Full PDB file with SEQRES, HELIX, SHEET, SSBOND, CRYST1, ORIGX, SCALE, CONECT and MASTER records, all heavy atoms in Angstrom:
SEQRES   1 A   33  ALA GLY MET TYR ILE ASN ASP ILE GLU SER VAL LEU ALA          
SEQRES   2 A   33  GLN LYS GLU LYS GLU ILE GLU SER THR MET MET ASN GLN          
SEQRES   3 A   33  LEU THR LEU LEU ALA VAL MET                                  
HELIX    1 AA1 ASN A    6  VAL A   32  1                                  27    
CRYST1    1.000    1.000    1.000  90.00  90.00  90.00 P 1           1          
ORIGX1      1.000000  0.000000  0.000000        0.00000                         
ORIGX2      0.000000  1.000000  0.000000        0.00000                         
ORIGX3      0.000000  0.000000  1.000000        0.00000                         
SCALE1      1.000000  0.000000  0.000000        0.00000                         
SCALE2      0.000000  1.000000  0.000000        0.00000                         
SCALE3      0.000000  0.000000  1.000000        0.00000                         
ATOM      1  N   ALA A   1      13.256  -1.710 -47.335  1.00  0.00           N  
ATOM      2  CA  ALA A   1      13.177  -2.911 -46.487  1.00  0.00           C  
ATOM      3  C   ALA A   1      12.626  -2.482 -45.139  1.00  0.00           C  
ATOM      4  O   ALA A   1      13.054  -1.468 -44.583  1.00  0.00           O  
ATOM      5  CB  ALA A   1      14.540  -3.565 -46.337  1.00  0.00           C  
ATOM      6  N   GLY A   2      11.701  -3.244 -44.614  1.00  0.00           N  
ATOM      7  CA  GLY A   2      11.090  -2.856 -43.343  1.00  0.00           C  
ATOM      8  C   GLY A   2      10.869  -4.044 -42.425  1.00  0.00           C  
ATOM      9  O   GLY A   2      10.856  -5.200 -42.857  1.00  0.00           O  
ATOM     10  N   MET A   3      10.696  -3.754 -41.155  1.00  0.00           N  
ATOM     11  CA  MET A   3      10.371  -4.785 -40.171  1.00  0.00           C  
ATOM     12  C   MET A   3       9.555  -4.147 -39.051  1.00  0.00           C  
ATOM     13  O   MET A   3       9.664  -2.945 -38.790  1.00  0.00           O  
ATOM     14  CB  MET A   3      11.631  -5.446 -39.617  1.00  0.00           C  
ATOM     15  CG  MET A   3      12.604  -4.515 -38.923  1.00  0.00           C  
ATOM     16  SD  MET A   3      14.048  -5.383 -38.221  1.00  0.00           S  
ATOM     17  CE  MET A   3      14.791  -6.078 -39.681  1.00  0.00           C  
ATOM     18  N   TYR A   4       8.749  -4.963 -38.420  1.00  0.00           N  
ATOM     19  CA  TYR A   4       7.913  -4.472 -37.322  1.00  0.00           C  
ATOM     20  C   TYR A   4       8.773  -4.278 -36.070  1.00  0.00           C  
ATOM     21  O   TYR A   4       9.697  -5.040 -35.810  1.00  0.00           O  
ATOM     22  CB  TYR A   4       6.774  -5.440 -37.022  1.00  0.00           C  
ATOM     23  CG  TYR A   4       5.795  -5.586 -38.164  1.00  0.00           C  
ATOM     24  CD1 TYR A   4       5.634  -6.810 -38.813  1.00  0.00           C  
ATOM     25  CD2 TYR A   4       5.054  -4.493 -38.594  1.00  0.00           C  
ATOM     26  CE1 TYR A   4       4.736  -6.932 -39.857  1.00  0.00           C  
ATOM     27  CE2 TYR A   4       4.161  -4.616 -39.653  1.00  0.00           C  
ATOM     28  CZ  TYR A   4       4.008  -5.837 -40.279  1.00  0.00           C  
ATOM     29  OH  TYR A   4       3.137  -5.960 -41.321  1.00  0.00           O  
ATOM     30  N   ILE A   5       8.429  -3.257 -35.315  1.00  0.00           N  
ATOM     31  CA  ILE A   5       9.198  -2.951 -34.104  1.00  0.00           C  
ATOM     32  C   ILE A   5       8.327  -2.989 -32.853  1.00  0.00           C  
ATOM     33  O   ILE A   5       8.731  -2.490 -31.799  1.00  0.00           O  
ATOM     34  CB  ILE A   5       9.883  -1.570 -34.220  1.00  0.00           C  
ATOM     35  CG1 ILE A   5       8.850  -0.462 -34.481  1.00  0.00           C  
ATOM     36  CG2 ILE A   5      10.937  -1.587 -35.317  1.00  0.00           C  
ATOM     37  CD1 ILE A   5       9.457   0.938 -34.462  1.00  0.00           C  
ATOM     38  N   ASN A   6       7.133  -3.580 -32.967  1.00  0.00           N  
ATOM     39  CA  ASN A   6       6.265  -3.646 -31.789  1.00  0.00           C  
ATOM     40  C   ASN A   6       6.832  -4.543 -30.707  1.00  0.00           C  
ATOM     41  O   ASN A   6       6.503  -4.382 -29.525  1.00  0.00           O  
ATOM     42  CB  ASN A   6       4.876  -4.143 -32.194  1.00  0.00           C  
ATOM     43  CG  ASN A   6       4.144  -3.154 -33.078  1.00  0.00           C  
ATOM     44  OD1 ASN A   6       4.388  -3.111 -34.284  1.00  0.00           O  
ATOM     45  ND2 ASN A   6       3.277  -2.350 -32.490  1.00  0.00           N  
ATOM     46  N   ASP A   7       7.669  -5.507 -31.108  1.00  0.00           N  
ATOM     47  CA  ASP A   7       8.264  -6.369 -30.095  1.00  0.00           C  
ATOM     48  C   ASP A   7       9.188  -5.583 -29.173  1.00  0.00           C  
ATOM     49  O   ASP A   7       9.423  -5.968 -28.025  1.00  0.00           O  
ATOM     50  CB  ASP A   7       9.026  -7.510 -30.767  1.00  0.00           C  
ATOM     51  CG  ASP A   7      10.109  -6.997 -31.714  1.00  0.00           C  
ATOM     52  OD1 ASP A   7       9.861  -5.984 -32.402  1.00  0.00           O  
ATOM     53  OD2 ASP A   7      11.188  -7.606 -31.743  1.00  0.00           O  
ATOM     54  N   ILE A   8       9.719  -4.461 -29.681  1.00  0.00           N  
ATOM     55  CA  ILE A   8      10.545  -3.602 -28.828  1.00  0.00           C  
ATOM     56  C   ILE A   8       9.710  -3.050 -27.681  1.00  0.00           C  
ATOM     57  O   ILE A   8      10.158  -2.997 -26.527  1.00  0.00           O  
ATOM     58  CB  ILE A   8      11.163  -2.458 -29.661  1.00  0.00           C  
ATOM     59  CG1 ILE A   8      12.190  -3.018 -30.651  1.00  0.00           C  
ATOM     60  CG2 ILE A   8      11.821  -1.413 -28.751  1.00  0.00           C  
ATOM     61  CD1 ILE A   8      12.813  -1.974 -31.547  1.00  0.00           C  
ATOM     62  N   GLU A   9       8.483  -2.650 -27.990  1.00  0.00           N  
ATOM     63  CA  GLU A   9       7.600  -2.144 -26.937  1.00  0.00           C  
ATOM     64  C   GLU A   9       7.298  -3.235 -25.920  1.00  0.00           C  
ATOM     65  O   GLU A   9       7.169  -2.964 -24.723  1.00  0.00           O  
ATOM     66  CB  GLU A   9       6.303  -1.616 -27.560  1.00  0.00           C  
ATOM     67  CG  GLU A   9       6.501  -0.449 -28.509  1.00  0.00           C  
ATOM     68  CD  GLU A   9       7.165   0.737 -27.832  1.00  0.00           C  
ATOM     69  OE1 GLU A   9       6.907   0.975 -26.638  1.00  0.00           O  
ATOM     70  OE2 GLU A   9       7.959   1.425 -28.505  1.00  0.00           O  
ATOM     71  N   SER A  10       7.192  -4.485 -26.401  1.00  0.00           N  
ATOM     72  CA  SER A  10       6.955  -5.600 -25.474  1.00  0.00           C  
ATOM     73  C   SER A  10       8.152  -5.793 -24.547  1.00  0.00           C  
ATOM     74  O   SER A  10       7.995  -6.026 -23.340  1.00  0.00           O  
ATOM     75  CB  SER A  10       6.692  -6.892 -26.262  1.00  0.00           C  
ATOM     76  OG  SER A  10       5.554  -6.756 -27.092  1.00  0.00           O  
ATOM     77  N   VAL A  11       9.351  -5.690 -25.120  1.00  0.00           N  
ATOM     78  CA  VAL A  11      10.566  -5.806 -24.298  1.00  0.00           C  
ATOM     79  C   VAL A  11      10.619  -4.685 -23.265  1.00  0.00           C  
ATOM     80  O   VAL A  11      10.936  -4.906 -22.098  1.00  0.00           O  
ATOM     81  CB  VAL A  11      11.820  -5.778 -25.196  1.00  0.00           C  
ATOM     82  CG1 VAL A  11      13.087  -5.706 -24.341  1.00  0.00           C  
ATOM     83  CG2 VAL A  11      11.863  -7.008 -26.091  1.00  0.00           C  
ATOM     84  N   LEU A  12      10.287  -3.475 -23.705  1.00  0.00           N  
ATOM     85  CA  LEU A  12      10.312  -2.330 -22.786  1.00  0.00           C  
ATOM     86  C   LEU A  12       9.242  -2.468 -21.708  1.00  0.00           C  
ATOM     87  O   LEU A  12       9.460  -2.090 -20.553  1.00  0.00           O  
ATOM     88  CB  LEU A  12      10.097  -1.037 -23.578  1.00  0.00           C  
ATOM     89  CG  LEU A  12      11.223  -0.666 -24.552  1.00  0.00           C  
ATOM     90  CD1 LEU A  12      10.834   0.568 -25.357  1.00  0.00           C  
ATOM     91  CD2 LEU A  12      12.533  -0.405 -23.811  1.00  0.00           C  
ATOM     92  N   ALA A  13       8.071  -3.003 -22.091  1.00  0.00           N  
ATOM     93  CA  ALA A  13       7.002  -3.204 -21.099  1.00  0.00           C  
ATOM     94  C   ALA A  13       7.431  -4.221 -20.045  1.00  0.00           C  
ATOM     95  O   ALA A  13       7.166  -4.050 -18.850  1.00  0.00           O  
ATOM     96  CB  ALA A  13       5.725  -3.670 -21.794  1.00  0.00           C  
ATOM     97  N   GLN A  14       8.111  -5.288 -20.492  1.00  0.00           N  
ATOM     98  CA  GLN A  14       8.610  -6.281 -19.551  1.00  0.00           C  
ATOM     99  C   GLN A  14       9.668  -5.678 -18.633  1.00  0.00           C  
ATOM    100  O   GLN A  14       9.695  -5.939 -17.423  1.00  0.00           O  
ATOM    101  CB  GLN A  14       9.209  -7.467 -20.330  1.00  0.00           C  
ATOM    102  CG  GLN A  14       9.760  -8.580 -19.449  1.00  0.00           C  
ATOM    103  CD  GLN A  14       8.680  -9.229 -18.601  1.00  0.00           C  
ATOM    104  OE1 GLN A  14       7.521  -9.323 -19.003  1.00  0.00           O  
ATOM    105  NE2 GLN A  14       9.065  -9.687 -17.412  1.00  0.00           N  
ATOM    106  N   LYS A  15      10.520  -4.829 -19.209  1.00  0.00           N  
ATOM    107  CA  LYS A  15      11.539  -4.154 -18.412  1.00  0.00           C  
ATOM    108  C   LYS A  15      10.893  -3.228 -17.381  1.00  0.00           C  
ATOM    109  O   LYS A  15      11.342  -3.148 -16.226  1.00  0.00           O  
ATOM    110  CB  LYS A  15      12.453  -3.349 -19.339  1.00  0.00           C  
ATOM    111  CG  LYS A  15      13.654  -2.736 -18.642  1.00  0.00           C  
ATOM    112  CD  LYS A  15      14.610  -3.800 -18.165  1.00  0.00           C  
ATOM    113  CE  LYS A  15      15.849  -3.179 -17.542  1.00  0.00           C  
ATOM    114  NZ  LYS A  15      16.784  -4.207 -17.025  1.00  0.00           N  
ATOM    115  N   GLU A  16       9.829  -2.563 -17.785  1.00  0.00           N  
ATOM    116  CA  GLU A  16       9.133  -1.658 -16.865  1.00  0.00           C  
ATOM    117  C   GLU A  16       8.508  -2.436 -15.712  1.00  0.00           C  
ATOM    118  O   GLU A  16       8.515  -1.984 -14.565  1.00  0.00           O  
ATOM    119  CB  GLU A  16       8.066  -0.882 -17.627  1.00  0.00           C  
ATOM    120  CG  GLU A  16       7.415   0.210 -16.812  1.00  0.00           C  
ATOM    121  CD  GLU A  16       6.523   1.105 -17.642  1.00  0.00           C  
ATOM    122  OE1 GLU A  16       6.442   0.901 -18.866  1.00  0.00           O  
ATOM    123  OE2 GLU A  16       5.903   2.011 -17.071  1.00  0.00           O  
ATOM    124  N   LYS A  17       7.974  -3.630 -16.001  1.00  0.00           N  
ATOM    125  CA  LYS A  17       7.407  -4.461 -14.941  1.00  0.00           C  
ATOM    126  C   LYS A  17       8.500  -4.883 -13.950  1.00  0.00           C  
ATOM    127  O   LYS A  17       8.270  -4.901 -12.736  1.00  0.00           O  
ATOM    128  CB  LYS A  17       6.744  -5.698 -15.546  1.00  0.00           C  
ATOM    129  CG  LYS A  17       5.435  -5.414 -16.268  1.00  0.00           C  
ATOM    130  CD  LYS A  17       4.822  -6.697 -16.801  1.00  0.00           C  
ATOM    131  CE  LYS A  17       3.504  -6.412 -17.523  1.00  0.00           C  
ATOM    132  NZ  LYS A  17       2.893  -7.654 -18.062  1.00  0.00           N  
ATOM    133  N   GLU A  18       9.663  -5.207 -14.482  1.00  0.00           N  
ATOM    134  CA  GLU A  18      10.766  -5.585 -13.603  1.00  0.00           C  
ATOM    135  C   GLU A  18      11.173  -4.413 -12.711  1.00  0.00           C  
ATOM    136  O   GLU A  18      11.453  -4.593 -11.526  1.00  0.00           O  
ATOM    137  CB  GLU A  18      11.960  -6.047 -14.439  1.00  0.00           C  
ATOM    138  CG  GLU A  18      11.715  -7.354 -15.197  1.00  0.00           C  
ATOM    139  CD  GLU A  18      12.889  -7.714 -16.088  1.00  0.00           C  
ATOM    140  OE1 GLU A  18      13.883  -6.959 -16.089  1.00  0.00           O  
ATOM    141  OE2 GLU A  18      12.820  -8.750 -16.779  1.00  0.00           O  
ATOM    142  N   ILE A  19      11.186  -3.226 -13.291  1.00  0.00           N  
ATOM    143  CA  ILE A  19      11.542  -2.045 -12.505  1.00  0.00           C  
ATOM    144  C   ILE A  19      10.484  -1.770 -11.443  1.00  0.00           C  
ATOM    145  O   ILE A  19      10.802  -1.428 -10.294  1.00  0.00           O  
ATOM    146  CB  ILE A  19      11.724  -0.833 -13.436  1.00  0.00           C  
ATOM    147  CG1 ILE A  19      12.946  -1.041 -14.334  1.00  0.00           C  
ATOM    148  CG2 ILE A  19      11.884   0.454 -12.627  1.00  0.00           C  
ATOM    149  CD1 ILE A  19      13.106   0.013 -15.404  1.00  0.00           C  
ATOM    150  N   GLU A  20       9.213  -1.909 -11.801  1.00  0.00           N  
ATOM    151  CA  GLU A  20       8.137  -1.706 -10.832  1.00  0.00           C  
ATOM    152  C   GLU A  20       8.228  -2.720  -9.698  1.00  0.00           C  
ATOM    153  O   GLU A  20       8.007  -2.381  -8.528  1.00  0.00           O  
ATOM    154  CB  GLU A  20       6.781  -1.810 -11.529  1.00  0.00           C  
ATOM    155  CG  GLU A  20       6.473  -0.633 -12.441  1.00  0.00           C  
ATOM    156  CD  GLU A  20       5.137  -0.788 -13.142  1.00  0.00           C  
ATOM    157  OE1 GLU A  20       4.515  -1.870 -12.978  1.00  0.00           O  
ATOM    158  OE2 GLU A  20       4.715   0.143 -13.843  1.00  0.00           O  
ATOM    159  N   SER A  21       8.554  -3.973 -10.050  1.00  0.00           N  
ATOM    160  CA  SER A  21       8.712  -5.002  -9.022  1.00  0.00           C  
ATOM    161  C   SER A  21       9.873  -4.649  -8.088  1.00  0.00           C  
ATOM    162  O   SER A  21       9.757  -4.777  -6.857  1.00  0.00           O  
ATOM    163  CB  SER A  21       8.959  -6.357  -9.687  1.00  0.00           C  
ATOM    164  OG  SER A  21       9.175  -7.357  -8.712  1.00  0.00           O  
ATOM    165  N   THR A  22      10.975  -4.189  -8.668  1.00  0.00           N  
ATOM    166  CA  THR A  22      12.117  -3.771  -7.855  1.00  0.00           C  
ATOM    167  C   THR A  22      11.745  -2.604  -6.948  1.00  0.00           C  
ATOM    168  O   THR A  22      12.131  -2.553  -5.770  1.00  0.00           O  
ATOM    169  CB  THR A  22      13.296  -3.369  -8.766  1.00  0.00           C  
ATOM    170  OG1 THR A  22      13.646  -4.471  -9.595  1.00  0.00           O  
ATOM    171  CG2 THR A  22      14.496  -2.952  -7.935  1.00  0.00           C  
ATOM    172  N   MET A  23      10.974  -1.669  -7.494  1.00  0.00           N  
ATOM    173  CA  MET A  23      10.546  -0.513  -6.713  1.00  0.00           C  
ATOM    174  C   MET A  23       9.670  -0.939  -5.534  1.00  0.00           C  
ATOM    175  O   MET A  23       9.846  -0.461  -4.405  1.00  0.00           O  
ATOM    176  CB  MET A  23       9.786   0.460  -7.612  1.00  0.00           C  
ATOM    177  CG  MET A  23       9.430   1.783  -6.944  1.00  0.00           C  
ATOM    178  SD  MET A  23       8.480   2.872  -8.036  1.00  0.00           S  
ATOM    179  CE  MET A  23       9.670   3.100  -9.381  1.00  0.00           C  
ATOM    180  N   MET A  24       8.730  -1.848  -5.779  1.00  0.00           N  
ATOM    181  CA  MET A  24       7.861  -2.311  -4.703  1.00  0.00           C  
ATOM    182  C   MET A  24       8.653  -3.062  -3.643  1.00  0.00           C  
ATOM    183  O   MET A  24       8.408  -2.890  -2.440  1.00  0.00           O  
ATOM    184  CB  MET A  24       6.766  -3.215  -5.285  1.00  0.00           C  
ATOM    185  CG  MET A  24       5.743  -2.484  -6.147  1.00  0.00           C  
ATOM    186  SD  MET A  24       4.920  -1.140  -5.259  1.00  0.00           S  
ATOM    187  CE  MET A  24       4.129  -2.044  -3.935  1.00  0.00           C  
ATOM    188  N   ASN A  25       9.614  -3.887  -4.072  1.00  0.00           N  
ATOM    189  CA  ASN A  25      10.450  -4.607  -3.100  1.00  0.00           C  
ATOM    190  C   ASN A  25      11.254  -3.633  -2.257  1.00  0.00           C  
ATOM    191  O   ASN A  25      11.394  -3.813  -1.043  1.00  0.00           O  
ATOM    192  CB  ASN A  25      11.382  -5.565  -3.832  1.00  0.00           C  
ATOM    193  CG  ASN A  25      10.646  -6.723  -4.473  1.00  0.00           C  
ATOM    194  OD1 ASN A  25       9.545  -7.078  -4.049  1.00  0.00           O  
ATOM    195  ND2 ASN A  25      11.235  -7.317  -5.500  1.00  0.00           N  
ATOM    196  N   GLN A  26      11.766  -2.598  -2.900  1.00  0.00           N  
ATOM    197  CA  GLN A  26      12.560  -1.612  -2.170  1.00  0.00           C  
ATOM    198  C   GLN A  26      11.692  -0.840  -1.187  1.00  0.00           C  
ATOM    199  O   GLN A  26      12.102  -0.571  -0.049  1.00  0.00           O  
ATOM    200  CB  GLN A  26      13.231  -0.654  -3.148  1.00  0.00           C  
ATOM    201  CG  GLN A  26      14.170   0.346  -2.484  1.00  0.00           C  
ATOM    202  CD  GLN A  26      15.038   1.077  -3.479  1.00  0.00           C  
ATOM    203  OE1 GLN A  26      15.136   0.685  -4.635  1.00  0.00           O  
ATOM    204  NE2 GLN A  26      15.665   2.165  -3.053  1.00  0.00           N  
ATOM    205  N   LEU A  27      10.482  -0.477  -1.609  1.00  0.00           N  
ATOM    206  CA  LEU A  27       9.573   0.242  -0.706  1.00  0.00           C  
ATOM    207  C   LEU A  27       9.150  -0.646   0.462  1.00  0.00           C  
ATOM    208  O   LEU A  27       9.036  -0.178   1.600  1.00  0.00           O  
ATOM    209  CB  LEU A  27       8.347   0.722  -1.479  1.00  0.00           C  
ATOM    210  CG  LEU A  27       8.582   1.864  -2.471  1.00  0.00           C  
ATOM    211  CD1 LEU A  27       7.294   2.174  -3.227  1.00  0.00           C  
ATOM    212  CD2 LEU A  27       9.079   3.105  -1.754  1.00  0.00           C  
ATOM    213  N   THR A  28       8.908  -1.934   0.184  1.00  0.00           N  
ATOM    214  CA  THR A  28       8.543  -2.864   1.258  1.00  0.00           C  
ATOM    215  C   THR A  28       9.677  -2.994   2.263  1.00  0.00           C  
ATOM    216  O   THR A  28       9.469  -2.956   3.481  1.00  0.00           O  
ATOM    217  CB  THR A  28       8.209  -4.240   0.673  1.00  0.00           C  
ATOM    218  OG1 THR A  28       7.133  -4.118  -0.259  1.00  0.00           O  
ATOM    219  CG2 THR A  28       7.797  -5.201   1.774  1.00  0.00           C  
ATOM    220  N   LEU A  29      10.908  -3.141   1.744  1.00  0.00           N  
ATOM    221  CA  LEU A  29      12.074  -3.229   2.624  1.00  0.00           C  
ATOM    222  C   LEU A  29      12.240  -1.957   3.441  1.00  0.00           C  
ATOM    223  O   LEU A  29      12.530  -2.005   4.647  1.00  0.00           O  
ATOM    224  CB  LEU A  29      13.323  -3.491   1.787  1.00  0.00           C  
ATOM    225  CG  LEU A  29      14.657  -3.581   2.552  1.00  0.00           C  
ATOM    226  CD1 LEU A  29      14.618  -4.738   3.538  1.00  0.00           C  
ATOM    227  CD2 LEU A  29      15.813  -3.749   1.584  1.00  0.00           C  
ATOM    228  N   LEU A  30      12.015  -0.814   2.796  1.00  0.00           N  
ATOM    229  CA  LEU A  30      12.129   0.463   3.496  1.00  0.00           C  
ATOM    230  C   LEU A  30      11.078   0.572   4.592  1.00  0.00           C  
ATOM    231  O   LEU A  30      11.359   1.049   5.699  1.00  0.00           O  
ATOM    232  CB  LEU A  30      11.984   1.617   2.504  1.00  0.00           C  
ATOM    233  CG  LEU A  30      12.124   3.032   3.073  1.00  0.00           C  
ATOM    234  CD1 LEU A  30      13.508   3.223   3.687  1.00  0.00           C  
ATOM    235  CD2 LEU A  30      11.882   4.067   1.980  1.00  0.00           C  
ATOM    236  N   ALA A  31       9.842   0.111   4.297  1.00  0.00           N  
ATOM    237  CA  ALA A  31       8.769   0.165   5.295  1.00  0.00           C  
ATOM    238  C   ALA A  31       9.089  -0.730   6.491  1.00  0.00           C  
ATOM    239  O   ALA A  31       8.871  -0.346   7.654  1.00  0.00           O  
ATOM    240  CB  ALA A  31       7.447  -0.252   4.653  1.00  0.00           C  
ATOM    241  N   VAL A  32       9.621  -1.938   6.222  1.00  0.00           N  
ATOM    242  CA  VAL A  32       9.981  -2.853   7.311  1.00  0.00           C  
ATOM    243  C   VAL A  32      11.097  -2.237   8.167  1.00  0.00           C  
ATOM    244  O   VAL A  32      11.050  -2.263   9.407  1.00  0.00           O  
ATOM    245  CB  VAL A  32      10.427  -4.210   6.746  1.00  0.00           C  
ATOM    246  CG1 VAL A  32      10.997  -5.095   7.851  1.00  0.00           C  
ATOM    247  CG2 VAL A  32       9.241  -4.912   6.089  1.00  0.00           C  
ATOM    248  N   MET A  33      12.099  -1.687   7.497  1.00  0.00           N  
ATOM    249  CA  MET A  33      13.206  -1.066   8.231  1.00  0.00           C  
ATOM    250  C   MET A  33      12.724   0.121   9.046  1.00  0.00           C  
ATOM    251  O   MET A  33      13.174   0.327  10.186  1.00  0.00           O  
ATOM    252  CB  MET A  33      14.288  -0.629   7.246  1.00  0.00           C  
ATOM    253  CG  MET A  33      15.006  -1.785   6.558  1.00  0.00           C  
ATOM    254  SD  MET A  33      16.224  -1.234   5.351  1.00  0.00           S  
ATOM    255  CE  MET A  33      17.385  -0.372   6.407  1.00  0.00           C  
TER     256      MET A  33                                                      
MASTER        0    0    0    1    0    0    0    6  255    1    0    3          
END                                                                             
């Protein structure tokens, strides 16, 4: 029995974008401070 797991990569890619957004917000806040 098998199933495709490419959607996992999509979930991880979305998670990575969220982390990158958090990183940019943190760097922006750090620069302002």
